[in-house]
Amino acid sequence: MKNTIIILVVILIYGRVAAQQSQPIIIGKIETIHSRILNENRKIWVYAPTNTSNLVQPEKRYPVLYLLDGEAHFYSTIGIIQQLSQANGNGVLPEMIVVGIENTNRFRDLVPAYPAAEKIEKANPFMNFLSTELMPYIEKHYPTAPYKVIVGHSLGGLTVIDLLANYPTLFNAYIAIDPSLWYNNEKYLNQYLSQVNKQPLNNIKLFMSIANPMPIGTDLSAIKKDRTNESQPVRSILKFDQFLQTRSTGFKYHQKYYNR
C-alpha cells in the first residue's frame, strides 16, 4: 500500500511538472477588423518576425507581404519565409511581416471590376478595402517598412495582375502564382494587354509562375499547340508572358514554368 501511494505521488508530481513545462508554439495571430467599405468583419492572419526570432531589435522595421486566400496559404508561406530569412542564419529573403487575408466571398472579392475604374476608390470594393482600410491598419499597429508585396494564387493571381495593370503603385512587388487569366474567356487578359503599357512600372517587380496541369509527359511545346480547354489556363498565361517580354526597361519581370 505504501509503495502504491509513493508511485501515485510521483505520477502526480511528474504530470504537474510536464504541464508546467509545455508551451504553445506561436507563429502568428488572427485579428478581426471591421470594414465599412465591405460592411462586414474581416479576419486577417498576421505573422511578425519577432514571433520566431530570439533576436530583440525594437527599432527594426519590416516589409509587408499581403497574402490572398490567407487561410489556405498562411502556414506554408510562413514556413518558407522563416526558413529563408532566419533559420541557420539564412538571409536569402529579408524578414517580413505577413498578412493573410481570409475569404468571406471569394468570387466577389477576387474577380476584378470591368471595366477598371481609374481610381481605386471606385474599383472592386475589395481593392478599396485593401488600400484604404487594411494597409493603414497594418501600418498603424506593426513596425512596417515602406515596401509592400502582394501574393495571390489562381483567382488571387488574377487579382494580383489586375492590381499591377490598373494600380501599379499600390505595391512594390507582385507575385502571381498560376493566375486565372483564362477566366471569363480571357476578358480580363485582353484588358491587361492594352492597360499595362499605359502604366508607370519603373522599379516595379513581377514574378509569375506557371505549373503544368496536363498529363505527365506533356511538354510546353505540346501545350502551346493544344487548343483544348484543359490547356487554356497555361496558354493564357503564356500569352501574357509573351506580351510582358516586350515591356521596356525599368520593369523587373521574371517568369518560371514548373513542368512537374
C-alpha atoms as a PDB file:
ATOM      1  CA  MET A   1       0.000   0.000   0.000  1.00  0.00           C
ATOM      2  CA  LYS A   2       2.800   2.353   0.932  1.00  0.00           C
ATOM      3  CA  ASN A   3       4.584   1.698  -2.367  1.00  0.00           C
ATOM      4  CA  THR A   4       1.350   2.332  -4.280  1.00  0.00           C
ATOM      5  CA  ILE A   5       0.920   5.730  -2.616  1.00  0.00           C
ATOM      6  CA  ILE A   6       4.516   6.677  -3.418  1.00  0.00           C
ATOM      7  CA  ILE A   7       4.028   5.737  -7.087  1.00  0.00           C
ATOM      8  CA  LEU A   8       0.811   7.783  -7.292  1.00  0.00           C
ATOM      9  CA  VAL A   9       2.522  10.820  -5.757  1.00  0.00           C
ATOM     10  CA  VAL A  10       5.430  10.530  -8.234  1.00  0.00           C
ATOM     11  CA  ILE A  11       2.978  10.309 -11.162  1.00  0.00           C
ATOM     12  CA  LEU A  12       1.057  13.370  -9.962  1.00  0.00           C
ATOM     13  CA  ILE A  13       4.247  15.390  -9.485  1.00  0.00           C
ATOM     14  CA  TYR A  14       5.598  14.392 -12.902  1.00  0.00           C
ATOM     15  CA  GLY A  15       2.306  15.226 -14.582  1.00  0.00           C
ATOM     16  CA  ARG A  16       2.227  18.659 -12.943  1.00  0.00           C
ATOM     17  CA  VAL A  17       5.829  19.443 -13.937  1.00  0.00           C
ATOM     18  CA  ALA A  18       5.215  18.302 -17.506  1.00  0.00           C
ATOM     19  CA  ALA A  19       2.136  20.510 -17.726  1.00  0.00           C
ATOM     20  CA  GLN A  20       4.103  23.484 -16.431  1.00  0.00           C
ATOM     21  CA  GLN A  21       6.884  22.910 -18.960  1.00  0.00           C
ATOM     22  CA  SER A  22       4.637  22.701 -22.033  1.00  0.00           C
ATOM     23  CA  GLN A  23       4.449  25.929 -24.001  1.00  0.00           C
ATOM     24  CA  PRO A  24       2.483  26.809 -27.130  1.00  0.00           C
ATOM     25  CA  ILE A  25       4.370  27.455 -30.356  1.00  0.00           C
ATOM     26  CA  ILE A  26       3.113  30.808 -31.622  1.00  0.00           C
ATOM     27  CA  ILE A  27       3.798  31.878 -35.193  1.00  0.00           C
ATOM     28  CA  GLY A  28       1.054  34.449 -35.536  1.00  0.00           C
ATOM     29  CA  LYS A  29      -2.420  35.551 -34.583  1.00  0.00           C
ATOM     30  CA  ILE A  30      -5.836  36.071 -36.117  1.00  0.00           C
ATOM     31  CA  GLU A  31      -7.299  39.543 -35.792  1.00  0.00           C
ATOM     32  CA  THR A  32     -10.733  40.811 -36.764  1.00  0.00           C
ATOM     33  CA  ILE A  33     -11.207  44.259 -38.219  1.00  0.00           C
ATOM     34  CA  HIS A  34     -14.452  45.832 -39.334  1.00  0.00           C
ATOM     35  CA  SER A  35     -14.644  47.060 -42.901  1.00  0.00           C
ATOM     36  CA  ARG A  36     -17.029  49.914 -43.564  1.00  0.00           C
ATOM     37  CA  ILE A  37     -16.408  49.504 -47.275  1.00  0.00           C
ATOM     38  CA  LEU A  38     -17.432  45.837 -47.331  1.00  0.00           C
ATOM     39  CA  ASN A  39     -19.893  46.239 -44.451  1.00  0.00           C
ATOM     40  CA  GLU A  40     -18.573  43.174 -42.654  1.00  0.00           C
ATOM     41  CA  ASN A  41     -15.911  41.943 -40.255  1.00  0.00           C
ATOM     42  CA  ARG A  42     -12.759  40.579 -41.886  1.00  0.00           C
ATOM     43  CA  LYS A  43     -10.270  38.190 -40.312  1.00  0.00           C
ATOM     44  CA  ILE A  44      -6.578  38.649 -41.004  1.00  0.00           C
ATOM     45  CA  TRP A  45      -3.802  36.209 -40.118  1.00  0.00           C
ATOM     46  CA  VAL A  46      -0.679  38.104 -39.074  1.00  0.00           C
ATOM     47  CA  TYR A  47       2.878  36.862 -38.677  1.00  0.00           C
ATOM     48  CA  ALA A  48       5.667  39.087 -37.359  1.00  0.00           C
ATOM     49  CA  PRO A  49       9.351  38.037 -37.488  1.00  0.00           C
ATOM     50  CA  THR A  50       9.628  38.571 -33.727  1.00  0.00           C
ATOM     51  CA  ASN A  51       7.323  35.553 -33.257  1.00  0.00           C
ATOM     52  CA  THR A  52      10.050  33.184 -34.439  1.00  0.00           C
ATOM     53  CA  SER A  53      13.250  35.083 -33.627  1.00  0.00           C
ATOM     54  CA  ASN A  54      15.143  35.297 -30.359  1.00  0.00           C
ATOM     55  CA  LEU A  55      16.941  38.426 -31.510  1.00  0.00           C
ATOM     56  CA  VAL A  56      15.361  41.539 -29.999  1.00  0.00           C
ATOM     57  CA  GLN A  57      15.526  44.526 -32.370  1.00  0.00           C
ATOM     58  CA  PRO A  58      12.988  47.083 -31.109  1.00  0.00           C
ATOM     59  CA  GLU A  59      13.815  49.665 -33.768  1.00  0.00           C
ATOM     60  CA  LYS A  60      13.733  47.327 -36.756  1.00  0.00           C
ATOM     61  CA  ARG A  61      11.007  47.749 -39.357  1.00  0.00           C
ATOM     62  CA  TYR A  62       9.894  45.103 -41.809  1.00  0.00           C
ATOM     63  CA  PRO A  63       8.481  44.930 -45.345  1.00  0.00           C
ATOM     64  CA  VAL A  64       4.952  43.554 -45.512  1.00  0.00           C
ATOM     65  CA  LEU A  65       3.713  40.664 -47.626  1.00  0.00           C
ATOM     66  CA  TYR A  66      -0.054  40.657 -48.212  1.00  0.00           C
ATOM     67  CA  LEU A  67      -1.312  37.145 -48.932  1.00  0.00           C
ATOM     68  CA  LEU A  68      -4.618  36.470 -50.691  1.00  0.00           C
ATOM     69  CA  ASP A  69      -6.530  33.287 -49.740  1.00  0.00           C
ATOM     70  CA  GLY A  70      -4.709  33.689 -46.449  1.00  0.00           C
ATOM     71  CA  GLU A  71      -6.372  30.827 -44.596  1.00  0.00           C
ATOM     72  CA  ALA A  72      -5.196  28.384 -47.294  1.00  0.00           C
ATOM     73  CA  HIS A  73      -1.591  29.546 -47.722  1.00  0.00           C
ATOM     74  CA  PHE A  74      -0.578  31.157 -44.411  1.00  0.00           C
ATOM     75  CA  TYR A  75       1.326  28.245 -42.827  1.00  0.00           C
ATOM     76  CA  SER A  76       3.288  27.258 -45.932  1.00  0.00           C
ATOM     77  CA  THR A  77       4.186  30.888 -46.678  1.00  0.00           C
ATOM     78  CA  ILE A  78       5.409  31.480 -43.120  1.00  0.00           C
ATOM     79  CA  GLY A  79       7.488  28.302 -43.259  1.00  0.00           C
ATOM     80  CA  ILE A  80       9.232  29.382 -46.458  1.00  0.00           C
ATOM     81  CA  ILE A  81       9.872  32.933 -45.250  1.00  0.00           C
ATOM     82  CA  GLN A  82      11.127  31.889 -41.816  1.00  0.00           C
ATOM     83  CA  GLN A  83      13.415  29.249 -43.287  1.00  0.00           C
ATOM     84  CA  LEU A  84      14.944  31.623 -45.830  1.00  0.00           C
ATOM     85  CA  SER A  85      15.205  34.679 -43.572  1.00  0.00           C
ATOM     86  CA  GLN A  86      16.043  33.306 -40.116  1.00  0.00           C
ATOM     87  CA  ALA A  87      16.834  29.578 -39.926  1.00  0.00           C
ATOM     88  CA  ASN A  88      20.528  28.717 -39.713  1.00  0.00           C
ATOM     89  CA  GLY A  89      21.487  32.317 -40.313  1.00  0.00           C
ATOM     90  CA  ASN A  90      19.830  32.419 -43.733  1.00  0.00           C
ATOM     91  CA  GLY A  91      19.448  35.786 -45.389  1.00  0.00           C
ATOM     92  CA  VAL A  92      18.106  34.763 -48.797  1.00  0.00           C
ATOM     93  CA  LEU A  93      14.929  36.701 -48.008  1.00  0.00           C
ATOM     94  CA  PRO A  94      14.525  39.682 -45.693  1.00  0.00           C
ATOM     95  CA  GLU A  95      12.497  39.149 -42.568  1.00  0.00           C
ATOM     96  CA  MET A  96       8.978  40.363 -43.234  1.00  0.00           C
ATOM     97  CA  ILE A  97       5.519  40.737 -41.773  1.00  0.00           C
ATOM     98  CA  VAL A  98       2.923  38.509 -43.441  1.00  0.00           C
ATOM     99  CA  VAL A  99      -0.763  39.460 -43.555  1.00  0.00           C
ATOM    100  CA  GLY A 100      -3.018  36.646 -44.728  1.00  0.00           C
ATOM    101  CA  ILE A 101      -6.470  37.864 -45.782  1.00  0.00           C
ATOM    102  CA  GLU A 102      -9.179  35.321 -45.008  1.00  0.00           C
ATOM    103  CA  ASN A 103     -12.001  34.969 -47.513  1.00  0.00           C
ATOM    104  CA  THR A 104     -15.669  35.643 -46.894  1.00  0.00           C
ATOM    105  CA  ASN A 105     -16.883  35.732 -50.513  1.00  0.00           C
ATOM    106  CA  ARG A 106     -14.000  34.716 -52.739  1.00  0.00           C
ATOM    107  CA  PHE A 107     -15.541  35.421 -56.129  1.00  0.00           C
ATOM    108  CA  ARG A 108     -16.928  38.781 -55.041  1.00  0.00           C
ATOM    109  CA  ASP A 109     -13.528  39.882 -53.747  1.00  0.00           C
ATOM    110  CA  LEU A 110     -11.134  38.385 -56.276  1.00  0.00           C
ATOM    111  CA  VAL A 111     -12.948  38.873 -59.571  1.00  0.00           C
ATOM    112  CA  PRO A 112     -11.843  42.323 -60.816  1.00  0.00           C
ATOM    113  CA  ALA A 113     -14.201  45.116 -61.777  1.00  0.00           C
ATOM    114  CA  TYR A 114     -14.686  45.517 -65.504  1.00  0.00           C
ATOM    115  CA  PRO A 115     -14.012  47.941 -66.971  1.00  0.00           C
ATOM    116  CA  ALA A 116     -11.456  49.010 -64.390  1.00  0.00           C
ATOM    117  CA  ALA A 117     -12.031  52.261 -62.540  1.00  0.00           C
ATOM    118  CA  GLU A 118      -9.435  54.980 -62.913  1.00  0.00           C
ATOM    119  CA  LYS A 119      -9.299  55.447 -59.134  1.00  0.00           C
ATOM    120  CA  ILE A 120      -9.107  52.571 -56.715  1.00  0.00           C
ATOM    121  CA  GLU A 121     -11.889  54.103 -54.599  1.00  0.00           C
ATOM    122  CA  LYS A 122     -14.271  53.207 -57.445  1.00  0.00           C
ATOM    123  CA  ALA A 123     -12.790  49.781 -58.142  1.00  0.00           C
ATOM    124  CA  ASN A 124     -13.916  46.412 -56.853  1.00  0.00           C
ATOM    125  CA  PRO A 125     -14.760  47.182 -53.170  1.00  0.00           C
ATOM    126  CA  PHE A 126     -12.205  44.609 -52.022  1.00  0.00           C
ATOM    127  CA  MET A 127      -9.420  46.632 -53.682  1.00  0.00           C
ATOM    128  CA  ASN A 128     -10.658  49.700 -51.845  1.00  0.00           C
ATOM    129  CA  PHE A 129     -10.726  47.787 -48.550  1.00  0.00           C
ATOM    130  CA  LEU A 130      -7.193  46.593 -49.170  1.00  0.00           C
ATOM    131  CA  SER A 131      -5.753  50.039 -49.878  1.00  0.00           C
ATOM    132  CA  THR A 132      -7.731  52.336 -47.565  1.00  0.00           C
ATOM    133  CA  GLU A 133      -8.579  50.136 -44.567  1.00  0.00           C
ATOM    134  CA  LEU A 134      -6.328  47.089 -44.247  1.00  0.00           C
ATOM    135  CA  MET A 135      -2.989  48.585 -45.231  1.00  0.00           C
ATOM    136  CA  PRO A 136      -3.352  51.668 -42.968  1.00  0.00           C
ATOM    137  CA  TYR A 137      -4.377  49.343 -40.108  1.00  0.00           C
ATOM    138  CA  ILE A 138      -1.244  47.212 -40.507  1.00  0.00           C
ATOM    139  CA  GLU A 139       0.993  50.276 -40.791  1.00  0.00           C
ATOM    140  CA  LYS A 140      -0.501  51.695 -37.600  1.00  0.00           C
ATOM    141  CA  HIS A 141      -0.193  48.559 -35.476  1.00  0.00           C
ATOM    142  CA  TYR A 142       3.010  46.928 -36.748  1.00  0.00           C
ATOM    143  CA  PRO A 143       6.618  48.099 -37.361  1.00  0.00           C
ATOM    144  CA  THR A 144       6.341  48.292 -41.140  1.00  0.00           C
ATOM    145  CA  ALA A 145       8.901  49.428 -43.668  1.00  0.00           C
ATOM    146  CA  PRO A 146       7.720  51.251 -46.806  1.00  0.00           C
ATOM    147  CA  TYR A 147       7.939  48.147 -49.010  1.00  0.00           C
ATOM    148  CA  LYS A 148       4.879  46.045 -49.812  1.00  0.00           C
ATOM    149  CA  VAL A 149       4.414  42.768 -51.667  1.00  0.00           C
ATOM    150  CA  ILE A 150       1.145  41.167 -52.838  1.00  0.00           C
ATOM    151  CA  VAL A 151       0.875  37.400 -53.462  1.00  0.00           C
ATOM    152  CA  GLY A 152      -2.037  35.525 -54.996  1.00  0.00           C
ATOM    153  CA  HIS A 153      -2.731  32.086 -56.441  1.00  0.00           C
ATOM    154  CA  SER A 154      -5.222  31.184 -59.170  1.00  0.00           C
ATOM    155  CA  LEU A 155      -8.105  33.664 -58.874  1.00  0.00           C
ATOM    156  CA  GLY A 156      -5.949  35.512 -56.346  1.00  0.00           C
ATOM    157  CA  GLY A 157      -3.236  35.611 -59.004  1.00  0.00           C
ATOM    158  CA  LEU A 158      -5.729  37.274 -61.358  1.00  0.00           C
ATOM    159  CA  THR A 159      -6.290  39.911 -58.662  1.00  0.00           C
ATOM    160  CA  VAL A 160      -2.519  40.448 -58.439  1.00  0.00           C
ATOM    161  CA  ILE A 161      -2.282  41.043 -62.193  1.00  0.00           C
ATOM    162  CA  ASP A 162      -5.296  43.363 -62.052  1.00  0.00           C
ATOM    163  CA  LEU A 163      -3.609  45.452 -59.352  1.00  0.00           C
ATOM    164  CA  LEU A 164      -0.406  45.585 -61.391  1.00  0.00           C
ATOM    165  CA  ALA A 165      -2.230  46.631 -64.558  1.00  0.00           C
ATOM    166  CA  ASN A 166      -4.505  49.224 -63.013  1.00  0.00           C
ATOM    167  CA  TYR A 167      -2.976  50.369 -59.679  1.00  0.00           C
ATOM    168  CA  PRO A 168       0.751  49.585 -60.011  1.00  0.00           C
ATOM    169  CA  THR A 169       1.983  51.981 -57.326  1.00  0.00           C
ATOM    170  CA  LEU A 170      -0.003  50.264 -54.581  1.00  0.00           C
ATOM    171  CA  PHE A 171       2.724  47.626 -54.122  1.00  0.00           C
ATOM    172  CA  ASN A 172       6.433  47.425 -54.851  1.00  0.00           C
ATOM    173  CA  ALA A 173       6.387  43.775 -55.909  1.00  0.00           C
ATOM    174  CA  TYR A 174       3.729  41.440 -57.292  1.00  0.00           C
ATOM    175  CA  ILE A 175       3.741  37.625 -57.213  1.00  0.00           C
ATOM    176  CA  ALA A 176       1.135  35.847 -59.339  1.00  0.00           C
ATOM    177  CA  ILE A 177       1.025  32.056 -58.994  1.00  0.00           C
ATOM    178  CA  ASP A 178      -0.903  30.394 -61.821  1.00  0.00           C
ATOM    179  CA  PRO A 179      -3.063  33.497 -62.334  1.00  0.00           C
ATOM    180  CA  SER A 180      -6.502  32.710 -63.797  1.00  0.00           C
ATOM    181  CA  LEU A 181      -6.015  34.823 -66.897  1.00  0.00           C
ATOM    182  CA  TRP A 182      -8.254  32.374 -68.773  1.00  0.00           C
ATOM    183  CA  TYR A 183     -11.223  33.459 -66.646  1.00  0.00           C
ATOM    184  CA  ASN A 184     -14.336  34.672 -68.477  1.00  0.00           C
ATOM    185  CA  ASN A 185     -12.904  33.756 -71.864  1.00  0.00           C
ATOM    186  CA  GLU A 186      -9.773  35.900 -71.306  1.00  0.00           C
ATOM    187  CA  LYS A 187     -11.775  39.102 -70.975  1.00  0.00           C
ATOM    188  CA  TYR A 188      -9.503  40.456 -68.240  1.00  0.00           C
ATOM    189  CA  LEU A 189      -6.359  39.274 -70.006  1.00  0.00           C
ATOM    190  CA  ASN A 190      -7.275  41.242 -73.119  1.00  0.00           C
ATOM    191  CA  GLN A 191      -7.871  44.304 -70.976  1.00  0.00           C
ATOM    192  CA  TYR A 192      -4.429  43.969 -69.381  1.00  0.00           C
ATOM    193  CA  LEU A 193      -2.733  43.684 -72.772  1.00  0.00           C
ATOM    194  CA  SER A 194      -3.841  47.232 -73.527  1.00  0.00           C
ATOM    195  CA  GLN A 195      -3.599  48.603 -69.990  1.00  0.00           C
ATOM    196  CA  VAL A 196      -0.126  47.604 -68.833  1.00  0.00           C
ATOM    197  CA  ASN A 197       1.776  49.783 -71.310  1.00  0.00           C
ATOM    198  CA  LYS A 198      -0.112  52.842 -70.077  1.00  0.00           C
ATOM    199  CA  GLN A 199       1.227  52.454 -66.540  1.00  0.00           C
ATOM    200  CA  PRO A 200       4.453  53.770 -64.980  1.00  0.00           C
ATOM    201  CA  LEU A 201       6.098  50.486 -63.960  1.00  0.00           C
ATOM    202  CA  ASN A 202       9.618  51.716 -63.269  1.00  0.00           C
ATOM    203  CA  ASN A 203      11.196  49.722 -60.426  1.00  0.00           C
ATOM    204  CA  ILE A 204       8.060  47.591 -60.078  1.00  0.00           C
ATOM    205  CA  LYS A 205       8.721  43.844 -59.819  1.00  0.00           C
ATOM    206  CA  LEU A 206       6.567  40.951 -61.024  1.00  0.00           C
ATOM    207  CA  PHE A 207       7.174  37.232 -60.647  1.00  0.00           C
ATOM    208  CA  MET A 208       4.714  34.952 -62.411  1.00  0.00           C
ATOM    209  CA  SER A 209       4.757  31.177 -62.110  1.00  0.00           C
ATOM    210  CA  ILE A 210       3.129  28.529 -64.275  1.00  0.00           C
ATOM    211  CA  ALA A 211       2.529  24.901 -63.294  1.00  0.00           C
ATOM    212  CA  ASN A 212       1.861  22.237 -65.928  1.00  0.00           C
ATOM    213  CA  PRO A 213      -1.669  20.849 -65.332  1.00  0.00           C
ATOM    214  CA  MET A 214      -1.516  18.496 -68.304  1.00  0.00           C
ATOM    215  CA  PRO A 215      -0.897  14.727 -68.147  1.00  0.00           C
ATOM    216  CA  ILE A 216       2.646  13.636 -67.306  1.00  0.00           C
ATOM    217  CA  GLY A 217       4.787  13.705 -70.413  1.00  0.00           C
ATOM    218  CA  THR A 218       3.067  16.704 -71.999  1.00  0.00           C
ATOM    219  CA  ASP A 219       5.789  19.258 -72.645  1.00  0.00           C
ATOM    220  CA  LEU A 220       5.492  23.006 -73.124  1.00  0.00           C
ATOM    221  CA  SER A 221       5.685  22.862 -76.928  1.00  0.00           C
ATOM    222  CA  ALA A 222       2.704  20.489 -76.991  1.00  0.00           C
ATOM    223  CA  ILE A 223       0.720  22.755 -74.679  1.00  0.00           C
ATOM    224  CA  LYS A 224       1.329  25.748 -76.945  1.00  0.00           C
ATOM    225  CA  LYS A 225      -0.122  23.820 -79.890  1.00  0.00           C
ATOM    226  CA  ASP A 226      -3.043  22.390 -77.958  1.00  0.00           C
ATOM    227  CA  ARG A 227      -6.452  24.078 -78.276  1.00  0.00           C
ATOM    228  CA  THR A 228      -8.471  22.234 -75.639  1.00  0.00           C
ATOM    229  CA  ASN A 229      -9.950  23.816 -72.505  1.00  0.00           C
ATOM    230  CA  GLU A 230      -7.509  21.798 -70.411  1.00  0.00           C
ATOM    231  CA  SER A 231      -4.507  23.740 -71.680  1.00  0.00           C
ATOM    232  CA  GLN A 232      -6.138  27.180 -71.813  1.00  0.00           C
ATOM    233  CA  PRO A 233      -5.007  28.208 -68.283  1.00  0.00           C
ATOM    234  CA  VAL A 234      -1.370  27.745 -69.305  1.00  0.00           C
ATOM    235  CA  ARG A 235      -1.787  29.226 -72.790  1.00  0.00           C
ATOM    236  CA  SER A 236      -3.417  32.374 -71.416  1.00  0.00           C
ATOM    237  CA  ILE A 237      -0.519  32.936 -69.014  1.00  0.00           C
ATOM    238  CA  LEU A 238       1.984  32.339 -71.816  1.00  0.00           C
ATOM    239  CA  LYS A 239       0.138  34.906 -73.914  1.00  0.00           C
ATOM    240  CA  PHE A 240       0.564  37.474 -71.155  1.00  0.00           C
ATOM    241  CA  ASP A 241       4.170  36.409 -70.627  1.00  0.00           C
ATOM    242  CA  GLN A 242       4.992  36.945 -74.302  1.00  0.00           C
ATOM    243  CA  PHE A 243       3.478  40.413 -74.076  1.00  0.00           C
ATOM    244  CA  LEU A 244       5.434  41.288 -70.919  1.00  0.00           C
ATOM    245  CA  GLN A 245       8.719  40.206 -72.502  1.00  0.00           C
ATOM    246  CA  THR A 246       8.425  43.210 -74.831  1.00  0.00           C
ATOM    247  CA  ARG A 247       7.974  45.653 -71.951  1.00  0.00           C
ATOM    248  CA  SER A 248      10.565  48.446 -71.908  1.00  0.00           C
ATOM    249  CA  THR A 249      13.371  48.560 -69.371  1.00  0.00           C
ATOM    250  CA  GLY A 250      12.634  49.617 -65.827  1.00  0.00           C
ATOM    251  CA  PHE A 251      10.032  46.924 -65.226  1.00  0.00           C
ATOM    252  CA  LYS A 252      11.621  43.945 -63.484  1.00  0.00           C
ATOM    253  CA  TYR A 253       9.866  40.787 -64.587  1.00  0.00           C
ATOM    254  CA  HIS A 254      10.590  37.080 -64.332  1.00  0.00           C
ATOM    255  CA  GLN A 255       8.526  34.025 -65.201  1.00  0.00           C
ATOM    256  CA  LYS A 256       9.093  30.416 -64.153  1.00  0.00           C
ATOM    257  CA  TYR A 257       7.497  27.353 -65.717  1.00  0.00           C
ATOM    258  CA  TYR A 258       7.291  24.261 -63.500  1.00  0.00           C
ATOM    259  CA  ASN A 259       6.871  21.155 -65.660  1.00  0.00           C
ATOM    260  CA  ARG A 260       6.159  18.868 -62.652  1.00  0.00           C
END
